[in-house]
Amino acid sequence: MSSEDTIINDARAQAHFYDGALRFSLELFGDRLAEREGYQHHKGTDAVRYFLMLKFCWLPRDVRSLSFDDLWFAMGEEFYGWSISPEAQQSYPGNES
């Protein structure tokens, strides 16, 4: 494998790693949102979708059709001031101390 291939593969791996970290963050935020809103059934990304349904009167099919980027964008203001707990950060692969 050439050094150019190695650089490209490293960049790809890093992009997928960070994409996964963002998805993990959305799941964790959904758990916190479910707790804050008192949801009994919905957790993770489902809680985010449920929140958007209630807040904007969107239909389930519309919320389910949102891409990850759209979900992240729609929840931007809700994320303000929130951060992942240090314990949860340790759960994500590659963040072990």
N, C-alpha and C. Protein backbone atom coordinates (compact mmCIF):
# COMPACT_ATOMS: atom_id res chain seq x y z
N MET A 1 0.86 -1.16 0.00
CA MET A 1 0.00 0.00 0.00
C MET A 1 0.91 1.23 0.00
N SER A 2 0.55 2.20 -0.83
CA SER A 2 1.34 3.42 -0.92
C SER A 2 1.06 4.33 0.27
N SER A 3 1.93 5.31 0.47
CA SER A 3 1.72 6.25 1.57
C SER A 3 0.47 7.09 1.32
N GLU A 4 0.14 7.34 0.05
CA GLU A 4 -1.08 8.08 -0.28
C GLU A 4 -2.32 7.27 0.13
N ASP A 5 -2.29 5.97 -0.14
CA ASP A 5 -3.40 5.10 0.27
C ASP A 5 -3.55 5.08 1.79
N THR A 6 -2.43 5.05 2.48
CA THR A 6 -2.46 5.05 3.94
C THR A 6 -3.09 6.34 4.46
N ILE A 7 -2.72 7.47 3.89
CA ILE A 7 -3.28 8.75 4.30
C ILE A 7 -4.78 8.78 4.05
N ILE A 8 -5.21 8.31 2.89
CA ILE A 8 -6.64 8.28 2.56
C ILE A 8 -7.38 7.37 3.52
N ASN A 9 -6.85 6.19 3.77
CA ASN A 9 -7.50 5.25 4.69
C ASN A 9 -7.56 5.80 6.11
N ASP A 10 -6.49 6.46 6.54
CA ASP A 10 -6.50 7.06 7.87
C ASP A 10 -7.58 8.13 7.96
N ALA A 11 -7.71 8.95 6.93
CA ALA A 11 -8.73 9.99 6.91
C ALA A 11 -10.13 9.38 6.93
N ARG A 12 -10.32 8.32 6.18
CA ARG A 12 -11.62 7.64 6.18
C ARG A 12 -11.94 7.08 7.55
N ALA A 13 -10.98 6.42 8.15
CA ALA A 13 -11.20 5.84 9.48
C ALA A 13 -11.53 6.92 10.49
N GLN A 14 -10.82 8.03 10.43
CA GLN A 14 -11.08 9.12 11.37
C GLN A 14 -12.46 9.73 11.14
N ALA A 15 -12.87 9.89 9.89
CA ALA A 15 -14.20 10.43 9.60
C ALA A 15 -15.29 9.52 10.15
N HIS A 16 -15.13 8.20 9.98
CA HIS A 16 -16.13 7.26 10.50
C HIS A 16 -16.12 7.25 12.03
N PHE A 17 -14.95 7.38 12.62
CA PHE A 17 -14.86 7.43 14.08
C PHE A 17 -15.64 8.63 14.61
N TYR A 18 -15.42 9.80 14.02
CA TYR A 18 -16.10 11.00 14.50
C TYR A 18 -17.59 10.99 14.19
N ASP A 19 -17.97 10.40 13.08
CA ASP A 19 -19.40 10.25 12.78
C ASP A 19 -20.05 9.37 13.84
N GLY A 20 -19.39 8.29 14.21
CA GLY A 20 -19.90 7.42 15.26
C GLY A 20 -19.98 8.13 16.60
N ALA A 21 -19.01 8.97 16.90
CA ALA A 21 -19.01 9.73 18.15
C ALA A 21 -20.19 10.69 18.19
N LEU A 22 -20.50 11.32 17.07
CA LEU A 22 -21.65 12.22 17.02
C LEU A 22 -22.95 11.46 17.21
N ARG A 23 -23.06 10.30 16.59
CA ARG A 23 -24.26 9.48 16.75
C ARG A 23 -24.41 9.01 18.20
N PHE A 24 -23.31 8.62 18.80
CA PHE A 24 -23.29 8.23 20.21
C PHE A 24 -23.77 9.40 21.08
N SER A 25 -23.28 10.60 20.78
CA SER A 25 -23.70 11.80 21.51
C SER A 25 -25.20 12.03 21.40
N LEU A 26 -25.75 11.85 20.19
CA LEU A 26 -27.18 12.04 20.00
C LEU A 26 -27.97 11.02 20.81
N GLU A 27 -27.51 9.79 20.85
CA GLU A 27 -28.16 8.76 21.66
C GLU A 27 -28.15 9.15 23.14
N LEU A 28 -27.01 9.58 23.62
CA LEU A 28 -26.90 9.98 25.03
C LEU A 28 -27.77 11.19 25.33
N PHE A 29 -27.79 12.15 24.41
CA PHE A 29 -28.64 13.31 24.61
C PHE A 29 -30.10 12.89 24.64
N GLY A 30 -30.47 11.95 23.78
CA GLY A 30 -31.84 11.44 23.78
C GLY A 30 -32.21 10.82 25.11
N ASP A 31 -31.28 10.11 25.73
CA ASP A 31 -31.53 9.54 27.05
C ASP A 31 -31.77 10.65 28.07
N ARG A 32 -30.96 11.70 28.02
CA ARG A 32 -31.12 12.82 28.94
C ARG A 32 -32.43 13.55 28.68
N LEU A 33 -32.78 13.71 27.42
CA LEU A 33 -34.03 14.35 27.02
C LEU A 33 -35.22 13.55 27.54
N ALA A 34 -35.16 12.24 27.42
CA ALA A 34 -36.24 11.37 27.90
C ALA A 34 -36.42 11.53 29.40
N GLU A 35 -35.30 11.61 30.10
CA GLU A 35 -35.36 11.81 31.56
C GLU A 35 -35.97 13.17 31.88
N ARG A 36 -35.50 14.21 31.20
CA ARG A 36 -35.99 15.57 31.44
C ARG A 36 -37.48 15.72 31.14
N GLU A 37 -37.93 15.07 30.06
CA GLU A 37 -39.32 15.20 29.62
C GLU A 37 -40.24 14.17 30.26
N GLY A 38 -39.67 13.22 30.99
CA GLY A 38 -40.48 12.21 31.67
C GLY A 38 -40.99 11.11 30.75
N TYR A 39 -40.27 10.83 29.67
CA TYR A 39 -40.68 9.76 28.76
C TYR A 39 -40.46 8.41 29.43
N GLN A 40 -41.42 7.55 29.33
CA GLN A 40 -41.32 6.23 29.93
C GLN A 40 -40.84 5.18 28.93
N HIS A 41 -41.17 5.36 27.67
CA HIS A 41 -40.89 4.35 26.66
C HIS A 41 -39.73 4.72 25.75
N HIS A 42 -39.61 5.97 25.40
CA HIS A 42 -38.63 6.39 24.39
C HIS A 42 -37.30 6.76 25.03
N LYS A 43 -36.23 6.25 24.45
CA LYS A 43 -34.86 6.54 24.88
C LYS A 43 -34.02 6.81 23.63
N GLY A 44 -32.85 7.36 23.82
CA GLY A 44 -31.91 7.56 22.72
C GLY A 44 -32.49 8.37 21.58
N THR A 45 -32.19 7.93 20.37
CA THR A 45 -32.64 8.64 19.17
C THR A 45 -34.16 8.64 19.07
N ASP A 46 -34.80 7.60 19.55
CA ASP A 46 -36.27 7.58 19.54
C ASP A 46 -36.83 8.73 20.39
N ALA A 47 -36.19 9.03 21.51
CA ALA A 47 -36.64 10.14 22.34
C ALA A 47 -36.48 11.47 21.61
N VAL A 48 -35.41 11.61 20.85
CA VAL A 48 -35.22 12.83 20.05
C VAL A 48 -36.33 12.95 19.02
N ARG A 49 -36.62 11.87 18.33
CA ARG A 49 -37.70 11.91 17.32
C ARG A 49 -39.05 12.20 17.97
N TYR A 50 -39.32 11.58 19.10
CA TYR A 50 -40.58 11.80 19.80
C TYR A 50 -40.70 13.26 20.24
N PHE A 51 -39.61 13.81 20.76
CA PHE A 51 -39.59 15.21 21.16
C PHE A 51 -39.95 16.12 19.98
N LEU A 52 -39.34 15.86 18.83
CA LEU A 52 -39.61 16.67 17.65
C LEU A 52 -41.06 16.53 17.19
N MET A 53 -41.61 15.32 17.29
CA MET A 53 -43.02 15.12 16.95
C MET A 53 -43.91 15.99 17.82
N LEU A 54 -43.66 15.97 19.11
CA LEU A 54 -44.49 16.73 20.03
C LEU A 54 -44.29 18.24 19.86
N LYS A 55 -43.05 18.65 19.73
CA LYS A 55 -42.75 20.08 19.66
C LYS A 55 -43.29 20.74 18.40
N PHE A 56 -43.17 20.04 17.26
CA PHE A 56 -43.52 20.66 15.98
C PHE A 56 -44.75 20.04 15.32
N CYS A 57 -45.40 19.11 16.02
CA CYS A 57 -46.58 18.42 15.48
C CYS A 57 -46.27 17.72 14.15
N TRP A 58 -45.08 17.17 14.08
CA TRP A 58 -44.70 16.42 12.89
C TRP A 58 -45.24 15.00 13.01
N LEU A 59 -45.48 14.37 11.89
CA LEU A 59 -45.93 12.99 11.86
C LEU A 59 -44.74 12.04 12.06
N PRO A 60 -45.02 10.85 12.59
CA PRO A 60 -43.92 9.89 12.77
C PRO A 60 -43.15 9.64 11.48
N ARG A 61 -43.85 9.51 10.37
CA ARG A 61 -43.14 9.23 9.11
C ARG A 61 -42.19 10.37 8.74
N ASP A 62 -42.58 11.61 9.07
CA ASP A 62 -41.72 12.74 8.76
C ASP A 62 -40.47 12.75 9.64
N VAL A 63 -40.66 12.45 10.90
CA VAL A 63 -39.53 12.43 11.82
C VAL A 63 -38.59 11.27 11.50
N ARG A 64 -39.15 10.13 11.16
CA ARG A 64 -38.32 8.97 10.80
C ARG A 64 -37.52 9.20 9.52
N SER A 65 -38.02 10.07 8.65
CA SER A 65 -37.33 10.30 7.38
C SER A 65 -36.18 11.29 7.51
N LEU A 66 -36.04 11.94 8.67
CA LEU A 66 -34.94 12.89 8.86
C LEU A 66 -33.60 12.16 8.90
N SER A 67 -32.65 12.71 8.19
CA SER A 67 -31.29 12.16 8.25
C SER A 67 -30.67 12.49 9.60
N PHE A 68 -29.56 11.86 9.89
CA PHE A 68 -28.85 12.16 11.13
C PHE A 68 -28.48 13.65 11.16
N ASP A 69 -27.99 14.17 10.06
CA ASP A 69 -27.62 15.59 10.01
C ASP A 69 -28.83 16.48 10.28
N ASP A 70 -29.99 16.10 9.75
CA ASP A 70 -31.20 16.88 9.98
C ASP A 70 -31.61 16.82 11.45
N LEU A 71 -31.52 15.66 12.06
CA LEU A 71 -31.83 15.53 13.49
C LEU A 71 -30.90 16.41 14.32
N TRP A 72 -29.63 16.34 14.00
CA TRP A 72 -28.64 17.12 14.73
C TRP A 72 -28.94 18.62 14.60
N PHE A 73 -29.27 19.04 13.38
CA PHE A 73 -29.60 20.44 13.13
C PHE A 73 -30.86 20.86 13.87
N ALA A 74 -31.90 20.03 13.80
CA ALA A 74 -33.18 20.36 14.43
C ALA A 74 -33.06 20.46 15.95
N MET A 75 -32.12 19.75 16.51
CA MET A 75 -31.96 19.74 17.96
C MET A 75 -30.90 20.71 18.45
N GLY A 76 -30.32 21.48 17.57
CA GLY A 76 -29.21 22.36 17.91
C GLY A 76 -29.43 23.22 19.14
N GLU A 77 -30.57 23.88 19.23
CA GLU A 77 -30.84 24.74 20.38
C GLU A 77 -31.03 23.93 21.66
N GLU A 78 -31.59 22.74 21.53
CA GLU A 78 -31.77 21.88 22.70
C GLU A 78 -30.43 21.41 23.27
N PHE A 79 -29.44 21.26 22.40
CA PHE A 79 -28.11 20.81 22.82
C PHE A 79 -27.36 21.88 23.63
N TYR A 80 -27.77 23.13 23.48
CA TYR A 80 -27.02 24.22 24.10
C TYR A 80 -26.83 23.97 25.60
N GLY A 81 -25.58 24.03 26.03
CA GLY A 81 -25.26 23.85 27.44
C GLY A 81 -25.13 22.41 27.89
N TRP A 82 -25.43 21.46 27.03
CA TRP A 82 -25.34 20.05 27.40
C TRP A 82 -23.97 19.51 27.03
N SER A 83 -23.45 18.64 27.84
CA SER A 83 -22.20 17.96 27.49
C SER A 83 -22.27 16.51 27.95
N ILE A 84 -21.48 15.70 27.32
CA ILE A 84 -21.42 14.28 27.67
C ILE A 84 -20.68 14.14 28.99
N SER A 85 -21.21 13.32 29.86
CA SER A 85 -20.56 13.09 31.15
C SER A 85 -19.20 12.42 30.93
N PRO A 86 -18.26 12.66 31.84
CA PRO A 86 -16.95 12.00 31.71
C PRO A 86 -17.07 10.48 31.68
N GLU A 87 -18.03 9.93 32.44
CA GLU A 87 -18.22 8.47 32.44
C GLU A 87 -18.64 7.97 31.06
N ALA A 88 -19.56 8.70 30.42
CA ALA A 88 -20.00 8.30 29.09
C ALA A 88 -18.88 8.47 28.07
N GLN A 89 -18.07 9.49 28.24
CA GLN A 89 -16.94 9.69 27.34
C GLN A 89 -16.00 8.49 27.39
N GLN A 90 -15.84 7.92 28.56
CA GLN A 90 -14.97 6.77 28.72
C GLN A 90 -15.55 5.51 28.06
N SER A 91 -16.86 5.51 27.84
CA SER A 91 -17.50 4.35 27.23
C SER A 91 -17.23 4.25 25.73
N TYR A 92 -16.87 5.39 25.12
CA TYR A 92 -16.68 5.38 23.67
C TYR A 92 -15.31 4.84 23.33
N PRO A 93 -15.21 3.87 22.40
CA PRO A 93 -13.92 3.28 22.04
C PRO A 93 -12.90 4.34 21.62
N GLY A 94 -11.71 4.17 22.09
CA GLY A 94 -10.64 5.10 21.74
C GLY A 94 -10.46 6.20 22.76
N ASN A 95 -11.35 6.28 23.75
CA ASN A 95 -11.26 7.33 24.76
C ASN A 95 -10.81 6.79 26.11
N GLU A 96 -10.32 5.59 26.14
CA GLU A 96 -9.88 5.00 27.40
C GLU A 96 -8.64 5.75 27.87
N SER A 97 -8.57 5.96 29.18
CA SER A 97 -7.40 6.64 29.75
C SER A 97 -6.43 5.63 30.34
